Each structure stands twice: as structure tokens, then as C-alpha cells.
Amino acid sequence: MEFLKRTFTRLALNFTWWVNRKDRDGNNIFEGGFLGLDNIGVFDRSAPLPTGGHLEQADGTAWMAFFCQNMMEIGAELTVHDPVYEDFCAKFVEHFLWIAMAINRPDGNGLWDEEDGFYYDLLRLPDGTSQRLKVRSLVGLLPLCAVTVVEEEQRARMPRATAALRNRLARMPELLGYIHATGPGHLGCANRGIIALVSEERLRRILTRVLDENEFLGPYGIRALSRHHLDHPYVFRAGGQEYRVGYLPAESDSGMFGGNSNWRGPVWMPVNVLIVRALLSYYMYYGDSFRIECPTGSGVLMNLYEVARELAARLTRTFLRGPDGARPVFGGAEKFRTDPHWRDCVLFYEYFHGDNGAGIGASHQTGWTGLVAKLIELFGLFDPQALLEGGKQKGFKAGT
């Protein structure tokens, strides 16, 4: 518990730094630079923009909303032992609501594009105009990851934080038009509440793209960039230069960040796991009442637990022997594909080819690619009905 308290304090300091330093206009829309996604943007997001001005980032803003939710969850655990942490939970509920309102504003200043049904970065130009950079990438998927469910017992444990949410919604009822419906009258399975950036209607629109095999859903996981950009690259022109983002399922074709990392098409395990977590959270709220085609256009309807399990299965398939006896992770490396002395020596690559699953980049990224082992474990132990009825702590098969 002492470790959790120290961690919470340090994270609160980090959160404050972001609020003070990365929200340029004080409007709860955040920047942040490349944020570990290297070449995913039209420009190098850590360098001065060729147009001047600055970027308001969908991923940076979603991370901050997710940060709020993480702090709420940690605070809820600490409140059991020290009631003072309930006030921190109320603080982060307020922060979340302001961020959610800002990212979803319908007046052209938000990051949601109603026509496309997607979140995009917004380029703010020196003359006061703005332009959405319409690249369909993980940048626009991260807002759906900012979701947490609130159990009935957690609400009972934190009456002041619960009251803060209700009071804010009462004073600003328009908030319910910006975020996922929450609060009284909007409880889900097992009387759970939900706090999420994305409304049900927008969740369906985003997932329709995510689960489209011609866009994000690859044979081995969710691609970092939509395959739509293979034939329809995004092009932006400024200062006599052309900036282009096209679908590249393997290595990068640019020198951005050294050219040794690519977020324009490959599958990256850690972000896929965040999407799996989000799908399970939405499932705990909706249960079987939310069903969607998976893959898009297949006619097969799944609930969100089944979608999460399908995604986990595709990620896992990267490392399993196929009909030809070879593991997709080894790509064209014949020694590893066929040699009985090497074919079972599985390597945890940095990222994976968006179409054939071959490992790319550093071959020793066990820290995040090793998460595939946790997916195998979780979906081997989960009982979806128990998860729905009893929550995370009781969601496992009897006897495990």
C-alpha cells in the first residue's frame, strides 16, 4: 500500500506537469510531440512545424483522459485505507469531464470529425485558422481506450466523488452530449457505471473501421495505420514541400527518427493490448446488448468480449505454427521457419508486418511483446458470464 501511495503522489506531479506545460491554450486539448509513435504523423511532431503554429493531438488528449481514469482507479483502492484519497478521485473526475468536453466539441474546435466518424489531430495555423490532418491511424483509435467501469461498491465507497460527478452533470447537462452517457439512469450490467470519452454511437462508428480487414484489422492484429492509405495516401503540401503518409506494413521508407521504427502500418503489441482492455471494459458495461460485425461486412455479429477474444487470437497466431509448420513471426528466415533446432526458439520482435505477421525491428522487445503471454493466460481463464456478473475480481473460471 505504501508503494501505491508513493506512486500515486509521483503520478499526480507528472499529471500536473502535463496540464501546465502541454495544454498551450488552456483549453484541455493537449500536445506532447511524438509520444512514442515516432513517424505516425504527417510531420515530425517533436520538431517545429513547417507551417508554423502547433498541433492539438488526439492521442495526447486521449492519453490525458486515460491518465485521469488510471488515477481514479488507484485512488479508489487507496480510499479503502485512507478516505483523503476520495477528494483526489473527485479532482480527476472533474479533469476527465473537461478533457472529454474539449475533445468532443462540435464547433470545429474538437478533434472528432463527424463526416468521417474518426478522431484526427488538429493543425492550428498562425493566422488563426485550423485544419484536421485526416490520417486514419492509432492516433484516432486511442480515444476509445479511455474507458473505465465503476462498480456499485466503488460508488458506495466514494460518495463525495460520485456526488461531484452528478453535480457537474446537473450543472452542465450538455456534457452528456459530448461523452458516453453516464450517471443516474445510465447504468449497465450489474448496475455498473461507465466513464468513457466515446459515446455508444461513436464507438460503433470507430469499431466499424477497426474491424474492417481493408482498414485496421489485419490477420495478426490491429494495424497502426489503416490499409486504406495504401491506395489513398494522405498528402499535405506546405512551403513547396509535399508531406505524405502511406500504408507501409513493414519497415519505414523515411529517415524520421532514424528510420528504424515504423508506425505507418505494422502491428504493435502494447497498443493492441490497450484496445483489448477497452473492449473488455465496454463488454462489462454492455454485455450482450452491444453486438457488432466482426470482421466488418462478414455478417457475423459478436459481443465485445468475443471481439476482444478474436483480436487476442489474431495476435497470438503470430507466434503459432501455421498449416505449413512455420510461425508467421519468422517471416522469410528459412533457418527459423524450418530447422527443428531453431523453429521453436520464438523471438519477441518490436513490431510485426501488418499483412503477414513477420517480426520487424529489435528482436528482444520482451517487455511489451511478451504481453501476448498474458493474453493467452487471460482468455484461457476468463469466464465471460462470470466477468459480466462479478467484475474483474470474479471473472475467472471456477477452480483457476
Foldseek 3Di string as FASTA:
>chain_A
DVVLVVVLVVLVVVLVCQQVPFPVVNQLFGQDFCVPLFPQDLDRRVDADLQGFHKRFLQVSLVSLLSLVVSLVSLLVCCVVPVVSLVVNLVSLVSNLSSLCQQQPPPPRHQADPVLLWGFMWGQGPVGDIDGQPFAFVSGVSQLLSKAKAAPVSCVSRVPSLVSNVVVCVVPVCSVVRAADFDPPQFFFNRMTMGGSHYPVSVQSVVLQQQACQFQDELQAGARGTNVQQVPWRWDDDPNDIGTQGADQAFAPDCGVHSQDDRRTWAAQQVRVSVLVSLLRVCLGHPPVDWHDHNNPPPDIDRSNVVSLSRLVSNLQQLDQDPVRAHLQQPPPVCCGDPPVRVNVQFQARTAGNHRSHGGGDRHVCVRSVCSVVSVVPVVFFDSVLCNNPNDVRGGDPPD
